[in-house]
Amino acid sequence: MEKDKAILSLEYKINTLEQNKKSSYVEISGDQKEEEENVNNVTHDIASALHIDPNLFDIENAYRKPSNRNLDKPLIIVEFASRRKRDEFLKKRGKIEYKSNRIYINKSLTAFNRKLFWESRMKGKELGYCFIWTSHGRIFCNTYNWAIQSNTYFKHYKKYYPD
């Protein structure tokens, strides 16, 4: 029993360290791999498609991560110099078309956290959660619809502070 606790504790610590290492990483999926491509150029082109000056963002490294599931479109991992730079890049993401492909940009999660996030999303839909998201490697959920709350709050606020 004590041995099992120690193993779980070590697994947790390893996952936390791995996630902290990925704190300045972004994953780009959906881009078709081409022969003799330069992944840094692809990353800069995607940044330009987001209307971001690639010179503003210190990209340490960009590479393709091999995938067994999607051989044509392996993930692009982008390592930024800092988490702040990564967050600035993520703020600009949205519906992106790049070379006639839909591109998705996400925070990088460890394999354990990715699986846990996927399972949380599936269970959250079943339980009626409105929002499920990650922040700094942690998973959050909320059952309350913020749009309704904001509207209700505004009506309540207007009662006490009329124009």
Protein backbone atom coordinates (compact mmCIF):
# COMPACT_ATOMS: atom_id res chain seq x y z
CA MET A 1 0.00 0.00 0.00
CA GLU A 2 2.78 2.43 0.92
CA LYS A 3 4.63 1.45 -2.24
CA ASP A 4 1.55 2.22 -4.39
CA LYS A 5 1.25 5.69 -2.83
CA ALA A 6 4.91 6.37 -3.52
CA ILE A 7 4.53 5.28 -7.17
CA LEU A 8 1.43 7.46 -7.64
CA SER A 9 3.23 10.39 -6.06
CA LEU A 10 6.20 9.97 -8.41
CA GLU A 11 3.92 9.64 -11.45
CA TYR A 12 2.15 12.85 -10.42
CA LYS A 13 5.46 14.68 -9.98
CA ILE A 14 6.76 13.47 -13.36
CA ASN A 15 3.55 14.57 -15.09
CA THR A 16 3.75 17.97 -13.40
CA LEU A 17 7.38 18.42 -14.48
CA GLU A 18 6.55 17.39 -18.05
CA GLN A 19 3.60 19.80 -18.15
CA ASN A 20 5.73 22.64 -16.79
CA LYS A 21 8.27 21.97 -19.54
CA LYS A 22 5.46 22.29 -22.10
CA SER A 23 4.22 25.58 -20.64
CA SER A 24 5.63 27.55 -23.56
CA TYR A 25 4.67 25.05 -26.29
CA VAL A 26 1.86 25.20 -28.85
CA GLU A 27 0.54 22.39 -31.03
CA ILE A 28 -0.62 23.16 -34.56
CA SER A 29 -2.68 20.46 -36.24
CA GLY A 30 -4.31 20.16 -39.63
CA ASP A 31 -1.40 21.25 -41.82
CA GLN A 32 -0.49 18.89 -44.64
CA LYS A 33 3.13 17.72 -44.48
CA GLU A 34 5.09 18.46 -47.65
CA GLU A 35 8.32 17.04 -48.99
CA GLU A 36 11.41 19.03 -48.03
CA GLU A 37 9.42 21.54 -45.96
CA ASN A 38 10.94 23.97 -43.52
CA VAL A 39 8.77 23.83 -40.39
CA ASN A 40 10.05 27.22 -39.21
CA ASN A 41 8.79 28.78 -42.46
CA VAL A 42 5.43 27.04 -42.05
CA THR A 43 5.19 28.40 -38.50
CA HIS A 44 5.99 31.93 -39.69
CA ASP A 45 3.39 31.63 -42.48
CA ILE A 46 0.74 30.57 -39.97
CA ALA A 47 1.72 33.48 -37.70
CA SER A 48 1.29 35.80 -40.69
CA ALA A 49 -2.14 34.27 -41.38
CA LEU A 50 -3.02 35.24 -37.79
CA HIS A 51 -1.88 38.80 -38.57
CA ILE A 52 1.05 38.46 -36.23
CA ASP A 53 4.49 39.79 -37.09
CA PRO A 54 6.60 36.65 -36.70
CA ASN A 55 9.56 38.79 -35.64
CA LEU A 56 7.67 39.75 -32.48
CA PHE A 57 7.57 36.19 -31.27
CA ASP A 58 10.71 34.46 -30.17
CA ILE A 59 10.31 30.95 -31.48
CA GLU A 60 12.96 28.68 -30.00
CA ASN A 61 12.13 25.63 -32.09
CA ALA A 62 9.48 24.20 -34.39
CA TYR A 63 9.27 20.60 -35.49
CA ARG A 64 6.87 17.89 -36.63
CA LYS A 65 5.83 15.29 -34.08
CA PRO A 66 5.31 11.89 -35.73
CA SER A 67 1.85 10.43 -35.28
CA ASN A 68 0.57 6.92 -35.83
CA ARG A 69 -2.98 8.17 -36.36
CA ASN A 70 -2.37 10.92 -38.90
CA LEU A 71 0.62 10.32 -41.14
CA ASP A 72 -0.35 13.04 -43.67
CA LYS A 73 -0.78 15.81 -41.11
CA PRO A 74 1.52 15.27 -38.11
CA LEU A 75 1.41 17.90 -35.36
CA ILE A 76 3.72 20.88 -35.48
CA ILE A 77 5.18 21.62 -32.06
CA VAL A 78 6.25 25.23 -31.58
CA GLU A 79 8.46 26.10 -28.62
CA PHE A 80 8.29 29.77 -27.67
CA ALA A 81 10.96 31.54 -25.64
CA SER A 82 8.43 32.23 -22.88
CA ARG A 83 4.91 31.42 -21.78
CA ARG A 84 3.95 35.07 -22.32
CA LYS A 85 4.92 34.84 -25.99
CA ARG A 86 2.93 31.61 -26.32
CA ASP A 87 -0.13 33.24 -24.73
CA GLU A 88 0.08 36.19 -27.13
CA PHE A 89 0.10 33.72 -30.04
CA LEU A 90 -2.86 31.77 -28.59
CA LYS A 91 -4.94 34.93 -28.17
CA LYS A 92 -4.89 35.49 -31.93
CA ARG A 93 -6.02 32.00 -32.87
CA GLY A 94 -9.42 31.40 -34.39
CA LYS A 95 -10.71 29.88 -37.59
CA ILE A 96 -7.59 29.60 -39.68
CA GLU A 97 -7.32 28.46 -43.26
CA TYR A 98 -3.80 27.65 -44.39
CA LYS A 99 -3.16 26.13 -47.81
CA SER A 100 -6.83 25.08 -48.06
CA ASN A 101 -6.68 23.23 -44.74
CA ARG A 102 -8.36 24.09 -41.46
CA ILE A 103 -5.65 24.67 -38.86
CA TYR A 104 -6.11 24.21 -35.11
CA ILE A 105 -3.81 25.75 -32.50
CA ASN A 106 -3.84 24.40 -28.95
CA LYS A 107 -1.79 24.42 -25.80
CA SER A 108 0.50 21.44 -25.51
CA LEU A 109 -0.52 18.88 -22.89
CA THR A 110 1.23 15.78 -21.63
CA ALA A 111 -0.18 12.45 -22.79
CA PHE A 112 -1.75 11.91 -19.36
CA ASN A 113 -3.32 15.38 -19.24
CA ARG A 114 -4.56 15.10 -22.84
CA LYS A 115 -6.30 11.80 -22.05
CA LEU A 116 -7.72 13.22 -18.83
CA PHE A 117 -8.96 16.33 -20.68
CA TRP A 118 -10.62 14.18 -23.36
CA GLU A 119 -12.33 12.01 -20.72
CA SER A 120 -13.39 15.14 -18.81
CA ARG A 121 -14.96 16.61 -21.95
CA MET A 122 -16.90 13.40 -22.62
CA LYS A 123 -18.11 13.15 -19.02
CA GLY A 124 -18.80 16.89 -18.92
CA LYS A 125 -21.10 16.68 -21.94
CA GLU A 126 -22.93 13.81 -20.27
CA LEU A 127 -23.36 15.83 -17.07
CA GLY A 128 -24.35 19.05 -18.85
CA TYR A 129 -21.26 21.17 -18.29
CA CYS A 130 -21.23 24.27 -20.49
CA PHE A 131 -17.49 24.90 -20.46
CA ILE A 132 -14.48 22.63 -20.03
CA TRP A 133 -11.02 24.08 -20.59
CA THR A 134 -7.38 23.83 -19.56
CA SER A 135 -5.13 26.44 -18.04
CA HIS A 136 -1.49 25.84 -17.08
CA GLY A 137 -1.99 22.08 -17.42
CA ARG A 138 -5.04 21.96 -15.16
CA ILE A 139 -8.58 21.10 -16.24
CA PHE A 140 -11.51 23.32 -15.29
CA CYS A 141 -15.23 23.03 -15.88
CA ASN A 142 -18.29 25.16 -15.29
CA THR A 143 -21.97 24.28 -15.41
CA TYR A 144 -23.17 27.86 -15.43
CA ASN A 145 -23.77 29.64 -18.73
CA TRP A 146 -21.84 32.91 -18.38
CA ALA A 147 -23.83 34.68 -21.10
CA ILE A 148 -27.02 34.16 -19.09
CA GLN A 149 -25.29 35.21 -15.90
CA SER A 150 -23.99 38.41 -17.50
CA ASN A 151 -27.42 39.32 -18.85
CA THR A 152 -29.11 38.60 -15.50
CA TYR A 153 -26.44 40.56 -13.66
CA PHE A 154 -26.88 43.50 -16.02
CA LYS A 155 -30.67 43.58 -15.45
CA HIS A 156 -30.11 43.36 -11.70
CA TYR A 157 -27.48 46.12 -11.87
CA LYS A 158 -29.79 48.41 -13.90
CA LYS A 159 -32.45 48.25 -11.14
CA TYR A 160 -30.08 49.92 -8.69
CA TYR A 161 -28.26 52.25 -11.07
CA PRO A 162 -30.71 53.59 -13.65
CA ASP A 163 -29.45 55.84 -16.42
